[in-house]
N, C-alpha and C. Protein backbone atom coordinates (compact mmCIF):
# COMPACT_ATOMS: atom_id res chain seq x y z
N MET A 1 -35.54 -26.68 81.06
CA MET A 1 -34.42 -25.87 81.49
C MET A 1 -34.82 -24.97 82.63
N GLU A 2 -36.06 -24.43 82.58
CA GLU A 2 -36.49 -23.56 83.66
C GLU A 2 -36.58 -24.33 84.97
N ALA A 3 -37.01 -25.60 84.90
CA ALA A 3 -37.10 -26.41 86.11
C ALA A 3 -35.72 -26.61 86.71
N ALA A 4 -34.71 -26.72 85.90
CA ALA A 4 -33.35 -26.89 86.39
C ALA A 4 -32.86 -25.63 87.09
N LEU A 5 -33.40 -24.47 86.72
CA LEU A 5 -33.01 -23.21 87.33
C LEU A 5 -33.81 -22.92 88.59
N GLY A 6 -34.73 -23.81 88.95
CA GLY A 6 -35.51 -23.63 90.16
C GLY A 6 -36.80 -22.87 89.94
N ARG A 7 -37.17 -22.60 88.72
CA ARG A 7 -38.41 -21.91 88.43
C ARG A 7 -39.54 -22.91 88.25
N ARG A 8 -40.73 -22.48 88.58
CA ARG A 8 -41.89 -23.34 88.45
C ARG A 8 -42.42 -23.27 87.02
N LEU A 9 -42.68 -24.42 86.41
CA LEU A 9 -43.23 -24.47 85.07
C LEU A 9 -44.75 -24.37 85.15
N ASP A 10 -45.34 -23.56 84.30
CA ASP A 10 -46.79 -23.41 84.28
C ASP A 10 -47.36 -24.42 83.29
N THR A 11 -47.99 -25.45 83.81
CA THR A 11 -48.55 -26.48 82.95
C THR A 11 -50.05 -26.62 83.10
N GLY A 12 -50.67 -25.81 83.98
CA GLY A 12 -52.09 -25.98 84.24
C GLY A 12 -52.99 -25.03 83.46
N GLY A 13 -52.44 -24.02 82.82
CA GLY A 13 -53.26 -23.03 82.14
C GLY A 13 -53.65 -23.46 80.74
N PRO A 14 -54.57 -22.71 80.12
CA PRO A 14 -54.96 -23.02 78.75
C PRO A 14 -53.82 -22.73 77.78
N ALA A 15 -53.83 -23.47 76.71
CA ALA A 15 -52.79 -23.28 75.69
C ALA A 15 -53.02 -21.96 74.97
N ALA A 16 -51.96 -21.42 74.44
CA ALA A 16 -52.07 -20.18 73.67
C ALA A 16 -52.91 -20.45 72.42
N PRO A 17 -53.70 -19.47 72.00
CA PRO A 17 -54.53 -19.68 70.81
C PRO A 17 -53.67 -19.91 69.57
N ALA A 18 -54.10 -20.86 68.78
CA ALA A 18 -53.36 -21.17 67.55
C ALA A 18 -53.57 -20.05 66.54
N GLN A 19 -52.56 -19.79 65.78
CA GLN A 19 -52.63 -18.78 64.73
C GLN A 19 -52.44 -19.48 63.40
N PRO A 20 -53.50 -20.10 62.88
CA PRO A 20 -53.35 -20.92 61.68
C PRO A 20 -52.88 -20.14 60.46
N ARG A 21 -53.33 -18.90 60.31
CA ARG A 21 -52.90 -18.13 59.12
C ARG A 21 -51.40 -17.85 59.16
N ARG A 22 -50.92 -17.57 60.34
CA ARG A 22 -49.48 -17.30 60.48
C ARG A 22 -48.68 -18.57 60.18
N ILE A 23 -49.14 -19.70 60.71
CA ILE A 23 -48.44 -20.96 60.50
C ILE A 23 -48.45 -21.33 59.02
N VAL A 24 -49.61 -21.16 58.36
CA VAL A 24 -49.70 -21.46 56.94
C VAL A 24 -48.80 -20.52 56.14
N GLY A 25 -48.79 -19.25 56.52
CA GLY A 25 -47.92 -18.29 55.83
C GLY A 25 -46.45 -18.64 55.96
N GLN A 26 -46.04 -19.03 57.16
CA GLN A 26 -44.65 -19.41 57.37
C GLN A 26 -44.31 -20.68 56.58
N GLY A 27 -45.24 -21.64 56.55
CA GLY A 27 -45.01 -22.86 55.78
C GLY A 27 -44.89 -22.57 54.30
N ALA A 28 -45.77 -21.69 53.80
CA ALA A 28 -45.72 -21.34 52.38
C ALA A 28 -44.42 -20.62 52.03
N ALA A 29 -43.97 -19.75 52.92
CA ALA A 29 -42.71 -19.05 52.67
C ALA A 29 -41.53 -20.02 52.67
N ALA A 30 -41.54 -20.98 53.58
CA ALA A 30 -40.46 -21.97 53.62
C ALA A 30 -40.47 -22.84 52.37
N LEU A 31 -41.66 -23.23 51.92
CA LEU A 31 -41.78 -24.03 50.70
C LEU A 31 -41.30 -23.25 49.48
N ALA A 32 -41.70 -21.99 49.38
CA ALA A 32 -41.27 -21.15 48.27
C ALA A 32 -39.76 -20.96 48.26
N ALA A 33 -39.18 -20.77 49.43
CA ALA A 33 -37.72 -20.61 49.51
C ALA A 33 -37.01 -21.89 49.09
N GLY A 34 -37.50 -23.02 49.57
CA GLY A 34 -36.89 -24.29 49.19
C GLY A 34 -36.99 -24.59 47.71
N MET A 35 -38.16 -24.30 47.14
CA MET A 35 -38.33 -24.53 45.70
C MET A 35 -37.47 -23.57 44.89
N GLY A 36 -37.33 -22.34 45.37
CA GLY A 36 -36.49 -21.37 44.66
C GLY A 36 -35.04 -21.80 44.64
N VAL A 37 -34.56 -22.31 45.75
CA VAL A 37 -33.18 -22.78 45.81
C VAL A 37 -33.00 -23.95 44.85
N GLY A 38 -33.94 -24.88 44.86
CA GLY A 38 -33.84 -26.03 43.95
C GLY A 38 -33.89 -25.62 42.49
N ARG A 39 -34.76 -24.68 42.19
CA ARG A 39 -34.91 -24.26 40.79
C ARG A 39 -33.65 -23.59 40.27
N PHE A 40 -33.11 -22.67 41.04
CA PHE A 40 -31.98 -21.90 40.54
C PHE A 40 -30.63 -22.55 40.81
N ALA A 41 -30.57 -23.51 41.71
CA ALA A 41 -29.30 -24.17 42.00
C ALA A 41 -29.09 -25.41 41.13
N TYR A 42 -30.16 -26.16 40.90
CA TYR A 42 -30.00 -27.44 40.19
C TYR A 42 -30.29 -27.36 38.69
N THR A 43 -31.12 -26.42 38.27
CA THR A 43 -31.46 -26.34 36.85
C THR A 43 -30.24 -26.15 35.96
N PRO A 44 -29.31 -25.26 36.28
CA PRO A 44 -28.15 -25.10 35.40
C PRO A 44 -27.25 -26.35 35.34
N THR A 45 -27.29 -27.17 36.36
CA THR A 45 -26.42 -28.35 36.36
C THR A 45 -27.08 -29.58 35.74
N LEU A 46 -28.36 -29.49 35.39
CA LEU A 46 -29.07 -30.65 34.86
C LEU A 46 -28.46 -31.18 33.56
N PRO A 47 -28.13 -30.34 32.57
CA PRO A 47 -27.50 -30.89 31.36
C PRO A 47 -26.17 -31.61 31.64
N LEU A 48 -25.40 -31.08 32.57
CA LEU A 48 -24.14 -31.71 32.93
C LEU A 48 -24.38 -33.08 33.57
N MET A 49 -25.37 -33.15 34.45
CA MET A 49 -25.68 -34.42 35.10
C MET A 49 -26.18 -35.44 34.07
N HIS A 50 -26.99 -35.00 33.12
CA HIS A 50 -27.47 -35.91 32.07
C HIS A 50 -26.30 -36.42 31.23
N ALA A 51 -25.39 -35.52 30.89
CA ALA A 51 -24.24 -35.92 30.07
C ALA A 51 -23.35 -36.91 30.82
N GLN A 52 -23.13 -36.69 32.10
CA GLN A 52 -22.31 -37.60 32.90
C GLN A 52 -22.97 -38.96 33.08
N ALA A 53 -24.31 -38.97 33.08
CA ALA A 53 -25.03 -40.24 33.23
C ALA A 53 -25.14 -40.99 31.92
N GLY A 54 -24.75 -40.34 30.81
CA GLY A 54 -24.81 -40.99 29.51
C GLY A 54 -26.20 -41.02 28.89
N LEU A 55 -27.07 -40.11 29.30
CA LEU A 55 -28.43 -40.06 28.75
C LEU A 55 -28.43 -39.31 27.42
N PRO A 56 -29.23 -39.75 26.46
CA PRO A 56 -29.26 -39.07 25.16
C PRO A 56 -29.96 -37.71 25.25
N PRO A 57 -29.58 -36.77 24.38
CA PRO A 57 -30.20 -35.43 24.40
C PRO A 57 -31.70 -35.47 24.11
N GLN A 58 -32.18 -36.48 23.38
CA GLN A 58 -33.60 -36.58 23.09
C GLN A 58 -34.41 -36.75 24.38
N LEU A 59 -33.81 -37.34 25.38
CA LEU A 59 -34.50 -37.54 26.64
C LEU A 59 -34.80 -36.21 27.32
N ASP A 60 -33.94 -35.21 27.13
CA ASP A 60 -34.19 -33.90 27.70
C ASP A 60 -35.48 -33.30 27.16
N ALA A 61 -35.67 -33.38 25.85
CA ALA A 61 -36.87 -32.84 25.23
C ALA A 61 -38.12 -33.59 25.72
N LEU A 62 -38.02 -34.89 25.84
CA LEU A 62 -39.16 -35.68 26.31
C LEU A 62 -39.49 -35.33 27.76
N ARG A 63 -38.48 -35.22 28.58
CA ARG A 63 -38.70 -34.86 29.97
C ARG A 63 -39.33 -33.47 30.09
N HIS A 64 -38.84 -32.54 29.29
CA HIS A 64 -39.37 -31.18 29.31
C HIS A 64 -40.85 -31.19 28.90
N ARG A 65 -41.17 -31.90 27.84
CA ARG A 65 -42.55 -31.97 27.37
C ARG A 65 -43.46 -32.59 28.44
N PHE A 66 -43.01 -33.66 29.04
CA PHE A 66 -43.82 -34.33 30.05
C PHE A 66 -44.03 -33.43 31.27
N ALA A 67 -42.97 -32.82 31.74
CA ALA A 67 -43.06 -32.02 32.97
C ALA A 67 -43.94 -30.80 32.80
N HIS A 68 -43.87 -30.15 31.64
CA HIS A 68 -44.58 -28.90 31.47
C HIS A 68 -45.98 -29.06 30.90
N HIS A 69 -46.25 -30.15 30.22
CA HIS A 69 -47.56 -30.30 29.60
C HIS A 69 -48.41 -31.40 30.24
N LEU A 70 -47.81 -32.50 30.59
CA LEU A 70 -48.58 -33.60 31.16
C LEU A 70 -48.52 -33.64 32.68
N GLY A 71 -47.56 -32.96 33.28
CA GLY A 71 -47.42 -32.99 34.73
C GLY A 71 -48.66 -32.53 35.49
N PRO A 72 -49.28 -31.41 35.10
CA PRO A 72 -50.48 -30.94 35.82
C PRO A 72 -51.75 -31.72 35.50
N LEU A 73 -51.71 -32.65 34.57
CA LEU A 73 -52.90 -33.36 34.13
C LEU A 73 -53.66 -34.06 35.26
N PRO A 74 -53.01 -34.83 36.14
CA PRO A 74 -53.77 -35.48 37.22
C PRO A 74 -54.51 -34.48 38.10
N SER A 75 -53.91 -33.35 38.36
CA SER A 75 -54.56 -32.32 39.17
C SER A 75 -55.79 -31.77 38.45
N ARG A 76 -55.67 -31.55 37.17
CA ARG A 76 -56.81 -31.03 36.40
C ARG A 76 -57.94 -32.03 36.34
N VAL A 77 -57.62 -33.28 36.14
CA VAL A 77 -58.66 -34.32 36.10
C VAL A 77 -59.35 -34.41 37.45
N HIS A 78 -58.59 -34.33 38.52
CA HIS A 78 -59.16 -34.39 39.87
C HIS A 78 -60.11 -33.22 40.09
N THR A 79 -59.74 -32.03 39.63
CA THR A 79 -60.58 -30.86 39.79
C THR A 79 -61.85 -30.97 38.97
N ILE A 80 -61.73 -31.46 37.74
CA ILE A 80 -62.90 -31.61 36.88
C ILE A 80 -63.90 -32.59 37.47
N ARG A 81 -63.40 -33.63 38.10
CA ARG A 81 -64.28 -34.65 38.69
C ARG A 81 -64.89 -34.20 40.02
N GLY A 82 -64.61 -32.98 40.43
CA GLY A 82 -65.22 -32.46 41.65
C GLY A 82 -64.41 -32.68 42.89
N GLY A 83 -63.13 -32.92 42.75
CA GLY A 83 -62.28 -33.11 43.92
C GLY A 83 -62.10 -31.80 44.67
N ASN A 84 -61.78 -31.93 45.93
CA ASN A 84 -61.60 -30.71 46.74
C ASN A 84 -60.19 -30.26 46.68
């Protein structure tokens, strides 16, 4: 756009120093915001969606057990085996 206005673009100088902590912080904040929206927007509607899909109530308990108890298992095994 600056070139269209008749201004010279500076392309020969060194790039601005990267700020990795700032970028990571912004990414973490965006991820937290997205997860927060998903948690509080979709969780109350989950029983309704299950009922409309015709899923039995027992499946809710199984899903809950799996998600909260077995979900972190692969991460724990990876850590125990010396993963980074």
